[in-house]
Protein backbone atom coordinates (compact mmCIF):
# COMPACT_ATOMS: atom_id res chain seq x y z
CA MET A 1 -60.19 35.65 -1.85
CA ASP A 2 -57.27 35.52 0.01
CA ILE A 3 -54.00 33.97 -1.43
CA PHE A 4 -53.20 32.68 1.93
CA GLU A 5 -55.68 30.32 1.81
CA LEU A 6 -55.08 28.46 -1.22
CA GLN A 7 -53.15 25.24 0.27
CA TRP A 8 -50.05 25.36 -2.63
CA ILE A 9 -49.36 28.93 -1.28
CA GLY A 10 -47.20 27.89 1.54
CA PHE A 11 -44.78 25.53 -0.70
CA VAL A 12 -43.85 28.89 -2.73
CA ILE A 13 -43.24 30.88 0.48
CA THR A 14 -41.26 28.16 2.08
CA PHE A 15 -39.58 27.00 -0.96
CA LEU A 16 -38.62 30.58 -1.57
CA GLY A 17 -37.51 31.46 2.40
CA THR A 18 -35.26 28.53 2.31
CA LEU A 19 -33.67 28.98 -1.33
CA PHE A 20 -32.18 32.41 0.15
CA LEU A 21 -31.44 31.47 3.40
CA ILE A 22 -29.69 28.18 2.41
CA GLY A 23 -27.84 29.84 -0.42
CA GLU A 24 -26.92 32.56 1.96
CA VAL A 25 -24.65 30.27 3.73
CA LEU A 26 -23.61 28.73 0.41
CA VAL A 27 -22.51 31.90 -1.32
CA ASN A 28 -21.27 35.48 -0.62
CA MET A 29 -24.17 37.32 -1.40
CA ARG A 30 -23.79 40.01 1.49
CA GLY A 31 -27.14 39.13 3.20
CA PHE A 32 -29.09 39.99 0.34
CA PHE A 33 -30.40 36.73 0.01
CA GLY A 34 -30.34 36.46 3.90
CA LEU A 35 -32.81 39.36 4.05
CA LEU A 36 -34.92 38.06 1.46
CA GLY A 37 -35.16 34.73 3.20
CA ILE A 38 -35.79 36.09 6.68
CA GLY A 39 -38.50 38.17 4.67
CA PHE A 40 -40.35 34.82 3.18
CA ILE A 41 -40.37 32.53 6.06
CA THR A 42 -41.59 35.91 8.44
CA VAL A 43 -44.53 36.51 5.85
CA TYR A 44 -45.20 32.30 5.83
CA PHE A 45 -45.33 32.30 9.61
CA ALA A 46 -47.18 35.56 10.29
CA ALA A 47 -49.81 34.44 7.82
CA TYR A 48 -50.33 31.02 9.43
CA VAL A 49 -49.39 31.42 12.86
CA GLN A 50 -51.09 32.89 16.09
CA THR A 51 -49.59 35.49 17.53
CA GLY A 52 -48.33 33.36 20.73
CA SER A 53 -47.20 31.06 18.59
CA PHE A 54 -45.57 33.02 15.92
CA LEU A 55 -41.94 33.67 17.84
CA LEU A 56 -41.84 29.85 18.42
CA MET A 57 -42.10 28.49 15.28
CA LEU A 58 -39.86 31.23 14.10
CA ILE A 59 -37.33 30.27 16.54
CA ILE A 60 -37.37 26.48 15.59
CA TYR A 61 -37.12 27.29 12.23
CA PHE A 62 -33.86 28.82 12.68
CA VAL A 63 -32.28 27.18 15.40
CA GLY A 64 -32.69 24.16 12.61
CA LEU A 65 -30.99 26.40 10.28
CA LEU A 66 -28.22 27.48 12.40
CA LEU A 67 -27.87 23.34 13.03
CA ILE A 68 -26.98 23.25 9.30
CA ILE A 69 -24.96 25.74 9.18
CA ILE A 70 -22.86 24.41 12.18
CA ASP A 71 -22.47 20.68 11.15
CA GLY A 72 -21.73 22.50 7.72
CA LYS A 73 -18.42 24.49 9.56
CA VAL A 74 -17.71 22.50 12.51
CA THR A 75 -18.70 18.67 12.70
CA ASN A 76 -19.28 17.27 9.41
CA ASP A 77 -21.04 14.27 10.26
CA GLY A 78 -24.85 15.15 9.05
CA THR A 79 -25.96 14.52 12.49
CA LEU A 80 -26.08 17.73 13.35
CA ALA A 81 -27.66 18.69 9.79
CA THR A 82 -30.47 16.00 10.13
CA LEU A 83 -32.07 17.37 13.39
CA GLY A 84 -31.69 20.85 11.72
CA LEU A 85 -33.62 19.90 8.58
CA ALA A 86 -36.15 18.23 10.76
CA ALA A 87 -36.62 20.98 12.87
CA MET A 88 -37.38 23.07 10.35
CA LEU A 89 -39.67 20.73 8.72
CA ALA A 90 -41.54 20.87 12.04
CA ALA A 91 -42.16 24.59 12.51
CA VAL A 92 -43.60 24.97 8.51
CA ALA A 93 -45.92 21.84 9.26
CA LEU A 94 -47.62 22.76 12.60
CA ALA A 95 -47.66 26.59 11.43
CA ALA A 96 -49.80 24.82 8.36
CA PRO A 97 -53.55 25.68 8.65
CA ASP A 98 -54.30 22.13 7.47
CA PHE A 99 -52.83 18.66 6.53
CA THR A 100 -52.62 19.31 3.02
CA SER A 101 -50.71 23.22 3.15
CA GLY A 102 -48.82 21.58 5.57
CA LEU A 103 -47.38 18.77 3.16
CA TYR A 104 -46.72 21.78 0.67
CA SER A 105 -44.89 23.75 2.89
CA VAL A 106 -43.02 20.36 4.20
CA LEU A 107 -42.08 19.84 0.44
CA GLY A 108 -41.15 23.68 -0.13
CA VAL A 109 -38.61 23.50 2.64
CA LEU A 110 -37.19 20.28 0.94
CA VAL A 111 -36.75 21.96 -2.21
CA GLY A 112 -35.48 25.08 -2.01
CA THR A 113 -32.93 23.24 0.03
CA GLY A 114 -31.87 21.25 -3.08
CA ALA A 115 -32.41 24.20 -5.19
CA SER A 116 -30.21 26.43 -3.41
CA PHE A 117 -27.13 24.43 -4.30
CA PHE A 118 -27.36 25.73 -7.84
CA PHE A 119 -26.72 29.14 -6.83
CA LEU A 120 -22.59 27.72 -6.15
CA LYS A 121 -22.71 27.64 -10.16
CA VAL A 122 -23.41 31.01 -10.37
CA PHE A 123 -22.15 32.91 -7.66
CA LYS A 124 -19.34 33.16 -5.52
CA LYS A 125 -18.87 30.57 -3.17
CA ARG A 126 -18.08 32.09 0.62
CA ASP A 127 -14.51 31.84 1.62
CA ILE A 128 -15.02 30.04 4.52
CA TRP A 129 -16.01 26.93 2.85
CA THR A 130 -12.69 27.43 0.93
CA LYS A 131 -10.83 27.59 3.78
CA ILE A 132 -11.78 24.28 5.63
CA THR A 133 -11.48 22.34 2.65
CA LEU A 134 -8.12 21.33 1.77
CA LYS A 135 -7.90 21.49 -2.34
CA ASP A 136 -4.33 20.96 -2.76
CA GLN A 137 -2.83 17.37 -3.01
CA LEU A 138 0.06 16.74 -1.30
CA THR A 139 1.85 14.69 -3.41
CA THR A 140 5.94 14.89 -3.97
CA GLU A 141 5.36 16.60 -7.56
CA ALA A 142 3.62 19.17 -5.69
CA GLY A 143 6.52 19.84 -3.37
CA TYR A 144 5.21 17.66 -0.22
CA ASN A 145 6.67 14.79 0.82
CA SER A 146 5.15 12.91 3.85
CA ILE A 147 7.76 9.94 3.46
CA ASN A 148 10.63 10.00 5.81
CA LYS A 149 13.63 9.19 4.04
CA ASN A 150 14.88 6.88 6.35
CA TYR A 151 11.56 4.76 6.42
CA GLU A 152 11.43 5.12 3.24
CA LYS A 153 14.30 3.05 2.20
CA LEU A 154 12.67 0.36 4.41
CA VAL A 155 10.29 -0.83 1.87
CA GLY A 156 11.51 -4.65 1.05
CA GLN A 157 13.66 -5.09 3.89
CA GLU A 158 12.84 -8.17 6.55
CA GLY A 159 12.61 -7.72 10.40
CA ILE A 160 11.27 -10.07 13.02
CA THR A 161 8.70 -9.13 15.00
CA LEU A 162 9.26 -8.17 19.15
CA ASN A 163 5.82 -8.48 19.92
CA ASP A 164 2.33 -9.19 18.33
CA LEU A 165 1.19 -7.30 15.20
CA ARG A 166 -2.65 -6.54 16.42
CA PRO A 167 -2.23 -5.36 13.63
CA VAL A 168 0.21 -2.70 14.93
CA GLY A 169 3.32 -3.71 17.46
CA THR A 170 7.14 -3.20 17.06
CA VAL A 171 9.05 -5.30 15.08
CA LYS A 172 13.42 -5.10 14.28
CA ILE A 173 14.77 -3.89 10.61
CA ASN A 174 18.78 -3.78 10.81
CA ASN A 175 19.31 -4.05 14.56
CA LYS A 176 16.52 -0.81 14.79
CA ASP A 177 12.82 -0.96 16.43
CA TYR A 178 10.24 0.02 14.66
CA SER A 179 6.37 0.16 14.88
CA ALA A 180 4.41 -1.18 12.20
CA ILE A 181 1.41 -2.64 11.17
CA SER A 182 0.10 -5.85 9.81
CA ASP A 183 -2.28 -5.49 6.55
CA GLY A 184 -4.93 -6.58 8.68
CA GLN A 185 -3.87 -10.20 10.06
CA TRP A 186 -2.69 -11.07 13.40
CA VAL A 187 1.25 -12.35 13.35
CA GLY A 188 2.79 -13.81 16.17
CA LYS A 189 6.26 -12.62 18.18
CA GLY A 190 8.76 -13.92 16.68
CA SER A 191 7.70 -14.16 13.21
CA LYS A 192 10.04 -12.91 10.19
CA VAL A 193 8.15 -10.21 8.09
CA LYS A 194 8.82 -8.19 5.29
CA VAL A 195 8.08 -4.13 4.86
CA VAL A 196 5.63 -3.75 1.96
CA GLN A 197 4.82 -0.09 2.16
CA VAL A 198 5.56 3.40 4.12
CA ASP A 199 3.05 5.92 4.25
CA GLY A 200 5.05 9.09 6.52
CA THR A 201 6.19 7.03 9.45
CA LYS A 202 3.67 4.19 9.18
CA ILE A 203 5.33 0.69 8.40
CA LEU A 204 3.17 -1.75 6.67
CA VAL A 205 4.50 -5.45 6.84
CA GLU A 206 3.25 -8.53 5.99
CA LYS A 207 4.07 -12.24 7.59
CA ILE A 208 7.12 -14.30 4.97
């Protein structure tokens, strides 16, 4: 009996292929995982897809993978990643010889994607992920100070609005004009306000 006639074999191949391909993106394995992943996925499409559609299905699958990578490194809003995963699922489902085999293959991609994150606990994470992630906390204790010293002294002082705060506007404090923001409420022109918080150069006021 041909092993590819087994309906569940699609799950095994797509699981391993996706596991290693996503794993190569997440951890630094110098292309070893990438080669394994490409090998498994190529075997899958070669076994089930006719020559004319083989290249097309392969392109759809890897375009989906590329969209996931772009989302992770550039956009980070999940839209491209969702489209990419959908493309990968569509490619393996359309290539399957029957409905049940297609379900197994789709499940293999989903489980492989989830399982690939376990590589992060074992292998070294790619530098690109640490470069785009700010791990240091910008605290005063760490030597950072985002609060303008002159603005910091305004906390607790009172002033008057020079225009309507909706919720952003201008206030006069100690005969100086500042851009300020209310706590989400509309404050009319000429109202007395009090500075309750300063974050960097953002002054938060509340109506007295």
